[in-house]
Amino acid sequence: MQAEFRVDANAVLQELAAIAFLDPRKLMSWGHRQVQAKTSSGKPIFDAGGAAVMIRVPYVDLVPSDQLDADAVRAIQAVEKRTGADGTELVSIILASKFDALASLATHLGLIGKRIEHSGAIAGRAIEMVIETEKGGQPR
């Protein structure tokens, strides 16, 4: 028995848009947080008064897969799990190319291969910019 599979233009455009316009905060949060300092052997460090020594460290926290919305899932190309040199389990999320998705959408919308003109002011200085592109997006 052979299943029938249909793809329409709207579905393709929705997939491309999900990749092109993904907000990475749908997949992860990042920043800095305070944690207690530890020695190389993992023992907590305390100051002379007995208070924990705190340090500021960067972090990235992934959103659990069951909490991702459909657009975030569409943008994921692969998920890889590996073990670091220190034995820590590491997870990598590989996203589909935002640039390729934008280029495909721009081609579909007729934005590539057109003359783009812009004028305005930056820091009080007038600017004028003209970019002419050929098919493929390369400046002429």
C-alpha atoms as a PDB file:
ATOM      1  CA  MET A   1       0.000   0.000   0.000  1.00  0.00           C
ATOM      2  CA  GLN A   2       1.424   3.362  -1.036  1.00  0.00           C
ATOM      3  CA  ALA A   3       0.562   6.512   0.921  1.00  0.00           C
ATOM      4  CA  GLU A   4      -0.270   9.636  -1.038  1.00  0.00           C
ATOM      5  CA  PHE A   5       1.825  12.668  -0.221  1.00  0.00           C
ATOM      6  CA  ARG A   6       0.908  16.181  -1.307  1.00  0.00           C
ATOM      7  CA  VAL A   7       2.854  19.382  -0.891  1.00  0.00           C
ATOM      8  CA  ASP A   8       1.425  22.749  -1.793  1.00  0.00           C
ATOM      9  CA  ALA A   9       3.158  26.096  -2.186  1.00  0.00           C
ATOM     10  CA  ASN A  10       1.620  27.487   0.985  1.00  0.00           C
ATOM     11  CA  ALA A  11       3.035  24.642   3.093  1.00  0.00           C
ATOM     12  CA  VAL A  12       6.519  25.217   1.656  1.00  0.00           C
ATOM     13  CA  LEU A  13       6.305  28.956   2.337  1.00  0.00           C
ATOM     14  CA  GLN A  14       5.171  28.290   5.919  1.00  0.00           C
ATOM     15  CA  GLU A  15       8.173  26.016   6.497  1.00  0.00           C
ATOM     16  CA  LEU A  16      10.565  28.604   5.052  1.00  0.00           C
ATOM     17  CA  ALA A  17       8.981  31.377   7.135  1.00  0.00           C
ATOM     18  CA  ALA A  18       9.282  29.288  10.321  1.00  0.00           C
ATOM     19  CA  ILE A  19      13.019  28.885   9.669  1.00  0.00           C
ATOM     20  CA  ALA A  20      13.625  32.452   8.485  1.00  0.00           C
ATOM     21  CA  PHE A  21      11.833  34.195  11.330  1.00  0.00           C
ATOM     22  CA  LEU A  22      12.541  31.892  14.287  1.00  0.00           C
ATOM     23  CA  ASP A  23      13.086  33.748  17.549  1.00  0.00           C
ATOM     24  CA  PRO A  24      15.859  31.729  19.263  1.00  0.00           C
ATOM     25  CA  ARG A  25      14.257  32.481  22.650  1.00  0.00           C
ATOM     26  CA  LYS A  26      11.637  29.878  21.697  1.00  0.00           C
ATOM     27  CA  LEU A  27      14.405  27.246  21.929  1.00  0.00           C
ATOM     28  CA  MET A  28      16.626  28.488  24.735  1.00  0.00           C
ATOM     29  CA  SER A  29      17.387  31.135  27.304  1.00  0.00           C
ATOM     30  CA  TRP A  30      20.833  32.504  27.976  1.00  0.00           C
ATOM     31  CA  GLY A  31      22.615  35.055  30.093  1.00  0.00           C
ATOM     32  CA  HIS A  32      24.674  35.081  33.275  1.00  0.00           C
ATOM     33  CA  ARG A  33      23.888  33.755  36.739  1.00  0.00           C
ATOM     34  CA  GLN A  34      25.553  33.686  40.131  1.00  0.00           C
ATOM     35  CA  VAL A  35      26.807  30.296  41.320  1.00  0.00           C
ATOM     36  CA  GLN A  36      28.977  29.244  44.223  1.00  0.00           C
ATOM     37  CA  ALA A  37      32.677  28.999  43.329  1.00  0.00           C
ATOM     38  CA  LYS A  38      34.251  25.548  43.651  1.00  0.00           C
ATOM     39  CA  THR A  39      37.766  24.197  43.699  1.00  0.00           C
ATOM     40  CA  SER A  40      39.057  22.045  40.842  1.00  0.00           C
ATOM     41  CA  SER A  41      38.060  18.998  42.914  1.00  0.00           C
ATOM     42  CA  GLY A  42      34.474  20.324  43.209  1.00  0.00           C
ATOM     43  CA  LYS A  43      34.545  21.526  46.838  1.00  0.00           C
ATOM     44  CA  PRO A  44      32.637  24.768  47.566  1.00  0.00           C
ATOM     45  CA  ILE A  45      34.753  27.850  48.331  1.00  0.00           C
ATOM     46  CA  PHE A  46      33.998  30.053  51.346  1.00  0.00           C
ATOM     47  CA  ASP A  47      35.497  33.396  52.349  1.00  0.00           C
ATOM     48  CA  ALA A  48      37.185  34.067  55.738  1.00  0.00           C
ATOM     49  CA  GLY A  49      33.806  34.907  57.279  1.00  0.00           C
ATOM     50  CA  GLY A  50      32.280  31.588  56.176  1.00  0.00           C
ATOM     51  CA  ALA A  51      30.130  33.077  53.406  1.00  0.00           C
ATOM     52  CA  ALA A  52      29.953  31.273  50.089  1.00  0.00           C
ATOM     53  CA  VAL A  53      32.127  32.835  47.356  1.00  0.00           C
ATOM     54  CA  MET A  54      29.874  33.536  44.396  1.00  0.00           C
ATOM     55  CA  ILE A  55      30.962  33.951  40.788  1.00  0.00           C
ATOM     56  CA  ARG A  56      29.127  35.111  37.664  1.00  0.00           C
ATOM     57  CA  VAL A  57      29.016  32.489  34.901  1.00  0.00           C
ATOM     58  CA  PRO A  58      27.373  32.354  31.484  1.00  0.00           C
ATOM     59  CA  TYR A  59      24.588  29.832  30.865  1.00  0.00           C
ATOM     60  CA  VAL A  60      22.384  28.471  28.093  1.00  0.00           C
ATOM     61  CA  ASP A  61      19.238  26.560  29.093  1.00  0.00           C
ATOM     62  CA  LEU A  62      17.332  24.596  26.440  1.00  0.00           C
ATOM     63  CA  VAL A  63      13.538  24.551  26.401  1.00  0.00           C
ATOM     64  CA  PRO A  64      12.305  20.960  26.854  1.00  0.00           C
ATOM     65  CA  SER A  65      11.212  19.460  23.527  1.00  0.00           C
ATOM     66  CA  ASP A  66       7.634  18.909  24.736  1.00  0.00           C
ATOM     67  CA  GLN A  67       7.333  22.688  25.317  1.00  0.00           C
ATOM     68  CA  LEU A  68       8.476  23.797  21.830  1.00  0.00           C
ATOM     69  CA  ASP A  69       5.877  25.244  19.486  1.00  0.00           C
ATOM     70  CA  ALA A  70       5.461  23.954  15.922  1.00  0.00           C
ATOM     71  CA  ASP A  71       7.454  26.808  14.340  1.00  0.00           C
ATOM     72  CA  ALA A  72      10.438  26.197  16.619  1.00  0.00           C
ATOM     73  CA  VAL A  73      10.387  22.478  15.798  1.00  0.00           C
ATOM     74  CA  ARG A  74      10.295  23.243  12.042  1.00  0.00           C
ATOM     75  CA  ALA A  75      13.547  25.205  12.309  1.00  0.00           C
ATOM     76  CA  ILE A  76      15.471  22.341  13.959  1.00  0.00           C
ATOM     77  CA  GLN A  77      17.578  20.359  11.508  1.00  0.00           C
ATOM     78  CA  ALA A  78      19.122  17.953  14.029  1.00  0.00           C
ATOM     79  CA  VAL A  79      19.692  17.314  17.728  1.00  0.00           C
ATOM     80  CA  GLU A  80      22.963  15.692  18.756  1.00  0.00           C
ATOM     81  CA  LYS A  81      24.020  14.329  22.118  1.00  0.00           C
ATOM     82  CA  ARG A  82      27.650  13.653  22.981  1.00  0.00           C
ATOM     83  CA  THR A  83      29.924  13.327  25.978  1.00  0.00           C
ATOM     84  CA  GLY A  84      32.478  16.053  26.704  1.00  0.00           C
ATOM     85  CA  ALA A  85      36.111  15.377  27.665  1.00  0.00           C
ATOM     86  CA  ASP A  86      35.173  15.765  31.348  1.00  0.00           C
ATOM     87  CA  GLY A  87      32.307  13.264  31.074  1.00  0.00           C
ATOM     88  CA  THR A  88      29.591  15.925  30.917  1.00  0.00           C
ATOM     89  CA  GLU A  89      26.691  15.149  28.586  1.00  0.00           C
ATOM     90  CA  LEU A  90      26.347  17.846  25.927  1.00  0.00           C
ATOM     91  CA  VAL A  91      23.423  18.555  23.620  1.00  0.00           C
ATOM     92  CA  SER A  92      23.667  20.503  20.365  1.00  0.00           C
ATOM     93  CA  ILE A  93      20.684  21.816  18.450  1.00  0.00           C
ATOM     94  CA  ILE A  94      21.479  22.421  14.780  1.00  0.00           C
ATOM     95  CA  LEU A  95      19.136  24.860  13.111  1.00  0.00           C
ATOM     96  CA  ALA A  96      18.276  25.018   9.439  1.00  0.00           C
ATOM     97  CA  SER A  97      19.964  27.916   7.650  1.00  0.00           C
ATOM     98  CA  LYS A  98      18.173  31.206   8.328  1.00  0.00           C
ATOM     99  CA  PHE A  99      20.074  32.809   5.436  1.00  0.00           C
ATOM    100  CA  ASP A 100      19.008  30.114   2.949  1.00  0.00           C
ATOM    101  CA  ALA A 101      15.379  30.375   4.075  1.00  0.00           C
ATOM    102  CA  LEU A 102      15.433  34.182   3.754  1.00  0.00           C
ATOM    103  CA  ALA A 103      17.071  33.928   0.317  1.00  0.00           C
ATOM    104  CA  SER A 104      14.412  31.464  -0.847  1.00  0.00           C
ATOM    105  CA  LEU A 105      11.613  33.693   0.422  1.00  0.00           C
ATOM    106  CA  ALA A 106      13.223  36.783  -1.129  1.00  0.00           C
ATOM    107  CA  THR A 107      13.469  34.995  -4.478  1.00  0.00           C
ATOM    108  CA  HIS A 108       9.837  33.880  -4.243  1.00  0.00           C
ATOM    109  CA  LEU A 109       8.724  37.426  -3.404  1.00  0.00           C
ATOM    110  CA  GLY A 110      10.784  38.890  -6.252  1.00  0.00           C
ATOM    111  CA  LEU A 111      13.102  40.829  -3.954  1.00  0.00           C
ATOM    112  CA  ILE A 112      16.275  39.357  -5.430  1.00  0.00           C
ATOM    113  CA  GLY A 113      17.213  40.752  -8.799  1.00  0.00           C
ATOM    114  CA  LYS A 114      15.771  44.193  -8.138  1.00  0.00           C
ATOM    115  CA  ARG A 115      17.222  47.611  -7.482  1.00  0.00           C
ATOM    116  CA  ILE A 116      16.980  48.619  -3.839  1.00  0.00           C
ATOM    117  CA  GLU A 117      17.305  52.295  -2.966  1.00  0.00           C
ATOM    118  CA  HIS A 118      17.545  53.812   0.466  1.00  0.00           C
ATOM    119  CA  SER A 119      18.151  57.312   1.701  1.00  0.00           C
ATOM    120  CA  GLY A 120      18.120  58.823   5.135  1.00  0.00           C
ATOM    121  CA  ALA A 121      20.354  60.197   7.829  1.00  0.00           C
ATOM    122  CA  ILE A 122      22.750  58.623  10.297  1.00  0.00           C
ATOM    123  CA  ALA A 123      24.083  60.817  13.092  1.00  0.00           C
ATOM    124  CA  GLY A 124      22.797  63.885  11.258  1.00  0.00           C
ATOM    125  CA  ARG A 125      24.640  63.055   8.027  1.00  0.00           C
ATOM    126  CA  ALA A 126      22.661  62.404   4.875  1.00  0.00           C
ATOM    127  CA  ILE A 127      23.245  59.030   3.238  1.00  0.00           C
ATOM    128  CA  GLU A 128      22.080  57.544  -0.011  1.00  0.00           C
ATOM    129  CA  MET A 129      22.557  53.927  -0.933  1.00  0.00           C
ATOM    130  CA  VAL A 130      21.742  52.086  -4.142  1.00  0.00           C
ATOM    131  CA  ILE A 131      22.278  48.365  -4.431  1.00  0.00           C
ATOM    132  CA  GLU A 132      21.591  46.560  -7.660  1.00  0.00           C
ATOM    133  CA  THR A 133      21.420  42.797  -7.525  1.00  0.00           C
ATOM    134  CA  GLU A 134      21.220  40.085 -10.110  1.00  0.00           C
ATOM    135  CA  LYS A 135      19.490  36.751  -9.690  1.00  0.00           C
ATOM    136  CA  GLY A 136      21.259  34.936  -6.883  1.00  0.00           C
ATOM    137  CA  GLY A 137      21.522  38.082  -4.762  1.00  0.00           C
ATOM    138  CA  GLN A 138      25.061  39.039  -5.722  1.00  0.00           C
ATOM    139  CA  PRO A 139      25.670  42.814  -6.017  1.00  0.00           C
ATOM    140  CA  ARG A 140      26.474  43.953  -9.548  1.00  0.00           C
END
